[in-house]
Amino acid sequence: MGLFRKKAAAPRLSRDEALRCVPVKSGAIQASRTTDDVIRLRYPLVLKPWIAELARRFSSSPAKPPARQLELDELGSLTWDLIDGHRSVGDIVRQFARQTQVHPKEAETAVTQFLRELGRRGIIGMAPGQRKGNNRKG
């Protein structure tokens, strides 16, 4: 029976492969800076299809899809500003460590957990990074 099939697990990346990935901001995100100089993100709430259909049927007006807001703290805002679609996760970690003057391992843990949470919410995606040292001549 296929009623309760589990989703196929995504292939696990090695640490080096994960650090080479490039975070990319979703086009559906609206980012604004508050008066406290932190970032406020507004992003669409992804509903399961059957819930979206119920909401559509019982709604009195064709409303926009529901949205959520997330206000980042100072370190989250710094990390958000470092996501430019070109820097790899490793580059972001190194820059974060330099700017905050924390140990590189702590910076890696904090940044990767933050990026994982943004990815879980659909705020960012990850593009595969370039392998270094692939330009061998034979």
C-alpha atoms as a PDB file:
ATOM      1  CA  MET A   1       0.000   0.000   0.000  1.00  0.00           C
ATOM      2  CA  GLY A   2       1.322   3.398  -0.938  1.00  0.00           C
ATOM      3  CA  LEU A   3      -0.810   5.379   1.477  1.00  0.00           C
ATOM      4  CA  PHE A   4       1.903   6.023   4.051  1.00  0.00           C
ATOM      5  CA  ARG A   5       5.048   5.982   1.947  1.00  0.00           C
ATOM      6  CA  LYS A   6       7.975   7.852   3.317  1.00  0.00           C
ATOM      7  CA  LYS A   7       9.624  10.456   1.143  1.00  0.00           C
ATOM      8  CA  ALA A   8      12.925   9.399  -0.327  1.00  0.00           C
ATOM      9  CA  ALA A   9      15.750  10.878   1.707  1.00  0.00           C
ATOM     10  CA  ALA A  10      17.841  13.479  -0.055  1.00  0.00           C
ATOM     11  CA  PRO A  11      21.402  12.328  -0.663  1.00  0.00           C
ATOM     12  CA  ARG A  12      23.684  13.331   2.183  1.00  0.00           C
ATOM     13  CA  LEU A  13      26.443  15.749   1.317  1.00  0.00           C
ATOM     14  CA  SER A  14      29.898  15.619   2.780  1.00  0.00           C
ATOM     15  CA  ARG A  15      30.954  18.581   4.898  1.00  0.00           C
ATOM     16  CA  ASP A  16      33.155  19.901   2.074  1.00  0.00           C
ATOM     17  CA  GLU A  17      30.344  19.556  -0.485  1.00  0.00           C
ATOM     18  CA  ALA A  18      27.917  21.350   1.841  1.00  0.00           C
ATOM     19  CA  LEU A  19      30.370  24.219   2.428  1.00  0.00           C
ATOM     20  CA  ARG A  20      30.765  24.623  -1.351  1.00  0.00           C
ATOM     21  CA  CYS A  21      26.999  25.086  -1.860  1.00  0.00           C
ATOM     22  CA  VAL A  22      25.802  28.583  -2.665  1.00  0.00           C
ATOM     23  CA  PRO A  23      22.718  29.877  -0.794  1.00  0.00           C
ATOM     24  CA  VAL A  24      20.238  31.649  -3.070  1.00  0.00           C
ATOM     25  CA  LYS A  25      17.401  33.844  -1.803  1.00  0.00           C
ATOM     26  CA  SER A  26      13.892  32.960  -2.959  1.00  0.00           C
ATOM     27  CA  GLY A  27      12.260  35.457  -5.298  1.00  0.00           C
ATOM     28  CA  ALA A  28       9.043  35.265  -3.251  1.00  0.00           C
ATOM     29  CA  ILE A  29      10.688  36.848  -0.197  1.00  0.00           C
ATOM     30  CA  GLN A  30      10.198  40.480   0.737  1.00  0.00           C
ATOM     31  CA  ALA A  31      13.020  41.784   2.897  1.00  0.00           C
ATOM     32  CA  SER A  32      12.991  45.139   4.653  1.00  0.00           C
ATOM     33  CA  ARG A  33      15.252  46.797   7.183  1.00  0.00           C
ATOM     34  CA  THR A  34      13.668  48.009  10.411  1.00  0.00           C
ATOM     35  CA  THR A  35      14.555  51.169  12.310  1.00  0.00           C
ATOM     36  CA  ASP A  36      16.661  48.945  14.608  1.00  0.00           C
ATOM     37  CA  ASP A  37      18.752  48.009  11.528  1.00  0.00           C
ATOM     38  CA  VAL A  38      17.640  44.379  11.493  1.00  0.00           C
ATOM     39  CA  ILE A  39      16.054  42.506   8.610  1.00  0.00           C
ATOM     40  CA  ARG A  40      12.365  41.595   8.530  1.00  0.00           C
ATOM     41  CA  LEU A  41      11.468  38.859   6.051  1.00  0.00           C
ATOM     42  CA  ARG A  42       7.972  38.284   4.729  1.00  0.00           C
ATOM     43  CA  TYR A  43       7.547  34.934   3.021  1.00  0.00           C
ATOM     44  CA  PRO A  44       4.605  32.887   1.724  1.00  0.00           C
ATOM     45  CA  LEU A  45       3.322  30.141   3.953  1.00  0.00           C
ATOM     46  CA  VAL A  46       3.391  26.870   2.053  1.00  0.00           C
ATOM     47  CA  LEU A  47       0.208  24.949   2.732  1.00  0.00           C
ATOM     48  CA  LYS A  48      -0.451  21.319   2.030  1.00  0.00           C
ATOM     49  CA  PRO A  49      -2.637  21.069  -1.104  1.00  0.00           C
ATOM     50  CA  TRP A  50      -5.732  19.846   0.711  1.00  0.00           C
ATOM     51  CA  ILE A  51      -5.517  22.666   3.277  1.00  0.00           C
ATOM     52  CA  ALA A  52      -5.051  25.231   0.505  1.00  0.00           C
ATOM     53  CA  GLU A  53      -8.133  23.834  -1.259  1.00  0.00           C
ATOM     54  CA  LEU A  54     -10.211  24.076   1.938  1.00  0.00           C
ATOM     55  CA  ALA A  55      -9.084  27.657   2.467  1.00  0.00           C
ATOM     56  CA  ARG A  56      -9.960  28.504  -1.136  1.00  0.00           C
ATOM     57  CA  ARG A  57     -13.430  26.930  -0.895  1.00  0.00           C
ATOM     58  CA  PHE A  58     -14.409  28.561   2.375  1.00  0.00           C
ATOM     59  CA  SER A  59     -12.894  31.953   1.714  1.00  0.00           C
ATOM     60  CA  SER A  60     -15.316  34.744   0.880  1.00  0.00           C
ATOM     61  CA  SER A  61     -12.797  36.594  -1.290  1.00  0.00           C
ATOM     62  CA  PRO A  62      -9.885  35.574  -3.455  1.00  0.00           C
ATOM     63  CA  ALA A  63      -7.203  36.581  -0.997  1.00  0.00           C
ATOM     64  CA  LYS A  64      -3.475  36.448  -1.387  1.00  0.00           C
ATOM     65  CA  PRO A  65      -1.835  33.293  -0.078  1.00  0.00           C
ATOM     66  CA  PRO A  66      -1.077  33.465   3.635  1.00  0.00           C
ATOM     67  CA  ALA A  67       2.301  34.873   4.566  1.00  0.00           C
ATOM     68  CA  ARG A  68       4.577  34.730   7.588  1.00  0.00           C
ATOM     69  CA  GLN A  69       7.057  37.238   8.957  1.00  0.00           C
ATOM     70  CA  LEU A  70      10.435  36.579  10.468  1.00  0.00           C
ATOM     71  CA  GLU A  71      12.506  39.270  12.126  1.00  0.00           C
ATOM     72  CA  LEU A  72      16.185  38.440  12.208  1.00  0.00           C
ATOM     73  CA  ASP A  73      18.470  39.430  15.042  1.00  0.00           C
ATOM     74  CA  GLU A  74      21.730  41.290  14.451  1.00  0.00           C
ATOM     75  CA  LEU A  75      23.721  38.147  13.586  1.00  0.00           C
ATOM     76  CA  GLY A  76      20.933  36.771  11.392  1.00  0.00           C
ATOM     77  CA  SER A  77      20.774  40.115   9.571  1.00  0.00           C
ATOM     78  CA  LEU A  78      24.542  40.034   9.053  1.00  0.00           C
ATOM     79  CA  THR A  79      24.312  36.535   7.595  1.00  0.00           C
ATOM     80  CA  TRP A  80      21.331  37.515   5.406  1.00  0.00           C
ATOM     81  CA  ASP A  81      23.349  40.423   3.991  1.00  0.00           C
ATOM     82  CA  LEU A  82      26.204  38.023   3.148  1.00  0.00           C
ATOM     83  CA  ILE A  83      23.903  35.851   0.995  1.00  0.00           C
ATOM     84  CA  ASP A  84      24.401  37.236  -2.491  1.00  0.00           C
ATOM     85  CA  GLY A  85      23.941  34.192  -4.723  1.00  0.00           C
ATOM     86  CA  HIS A  86      27.693  34.001  -5.398  1.00  0.00           C
ATOM     87  CA  ARG A  87      29.303  33.329  -2.013  1.00  0.00           C
ATOM     88  CA  SER A  88      29.485  29.726  -0.893  1.00  0.00           C
ATOM     89  CA  VAL A  89      28.466  28.636   2.582  1.00  0.00           C
ATOM     90  CA  GLY A  90      32.169  28.361   3.445  1.00  0.00           C
ATOM     91  CA  ASP A  91      32.804  31.931   2.255  1.00  0.00           C
ATOM     92  CA  ILE A  92      29.882  33.183   4.337  1.00  0.00           C
ATOM     93  CA  VAL A  93      31.173  31.308   7.400  1.00  0.00           C
ATOM     94  CA  ARG A  94      34.662  32.818   7.007  1.00  0.00           C
ATOM     95  CA  GLN A  95      33.302  36.351   6.542  1.00  0.00           C
ATOM     96  CA  PHE A  96      30.910  35.902   9.489  1.00  0.00           C
ATOM     97  CA  ALA A  97      33.800  34.720  11.697  1.00  0.00           C
ATOM     98  CA  ARG A  98      35.920  37.737  10.675  1.00  0.00           C
ATOM     99  CA  GLN A  99      33.148  40.280  11.259  1.00  0.00           C
ATOM    100  CA  THR A 100      31.961  38.853  14.583  1.00  0.00           C
ATOM    101  CA  GLN A 101      35.384  37.756  15.813  1.00  0.00           C
ATOM    102  CA  VAL A 102      34.155  34.301  16.856  1.00  0.00           C
ATOM    103  CA  HIS A 103      36.023  31.028  16.465  1.00  0.00           C
ATOM    104  CA  PRO A 104      35.605  29.588  12.927  1.00  0.00           C
ATOM    105  CA  LYS A 105      33.999  26.364  14.262  1.00  0.00           C
ATOM    106  CA  GLU A 106      31.423  28.371  16.218  1.00  0.00           C
ATOM    107  CA  ALA A 107      30.756  30.507  13.155  1.00  0.00           C
ATOM    108  CA  GLU A 108      30.301  27.381  11.016  1.00  0.00           C
ATOM    109  CA  THR A 109      27.822  25.884  13.475  1.00  0.00           C
ATOM    110  CA  ALA A 110      25.811  29.108  13.817  1.00  0.00           C
ATOM    111  CA  VAL A 111      25.723  29.939  10.106  1.00  0.00           C
ATOM    112  CA  THR A 112      24.890  26.411   8.918  1.00  0.00           C
ATOM    113  CA  GLN A 113      22.062  26.052  11.462  1.00  0.00           C
ATOM    114  CA  PHE A 114      20.684  29.434  10.422  1.00  0.00           C
ATOM    115  CA  LEU A 115      20.867  28.556   6.704  1.00  0.00           C
ATOM    116  CA  ARG A 116      19.261  25.177   7.369  1.00  0.00           C
ATOM    117  CA  GLU A 117      16.332  26.894   9.109  1.00  0.00           C
ATOM    118  CA  LEU A 118      15.925  29.398   6.267  1.00  0.00           C
ATOM    119  CA  GLY A 119      15.941  26.489   3.815  1.00  0.00           C
ATOM    120  CA  ARG A 120      13.353  24.580   5.840  1.00  0.00           C
ATOM    121  CA  ARG A 121      11.047  27.590   5.615  1.00  0.00           C
ATOM    122  CA  GLY A 122      11.606  27.950   1.853  1.00  0.00           C
ATOM    123  CA  ILE A 123      13.324  31.319   2.241  1.00  0.00           C
ATOM    124  CA  ILE A 124      16.530  30.179   0.544  1.00  0.00           C
ATOM    125  CA  GLY A 125      17.616  27.338  -1.686  1.00  0.00           C
ATOM    126  CA  MET A 126      21.045  25.843  -2.212  1.00  0.00           C
ATOM    127  CA  ALA A 127      22.845  25.713  -5.536  1.00  0.00           C
ATOM    128  CA  PRO A 128      25.686  23.242  -5.981  1.00  0.00           C
ATOM    129  CA  GLY A 129      29.090  24.847  -5.620  1.00  0.00           C
ATOM    130  CA  GLN A 130      32.120  24.625  -7.861  1.00  0.00           C
ATOM    131  CA  ARG A 131      34.772  22.042  -7.115  1.00  0.00           C
ATOM    132  CA  LYS A 132      38.166  23.565  -6.508  1.00  0.00           C
ATOM    133  CA  GLY A 133      41.125  22.020  -8.258  1.00  0.00           C
ATOM    134  CA  ASN A 134      39.120  20.628 -11.177  1.00  0.00           C
ATOM    135  CA  ASN A 135      41.156  22.469 -13.783  1.00  0.00           C
ATOM    136  CA  ARG A 136      43.831  19.799 -14.212  1.00  0.00           C
ATOM    137  CA  LYS A 137      45.575  19.532 -17.544  1.00  0.00           C
ATOM    138  CA  GLY A 138      46.537  16.084 -18.645  1.00  0.00           C
END
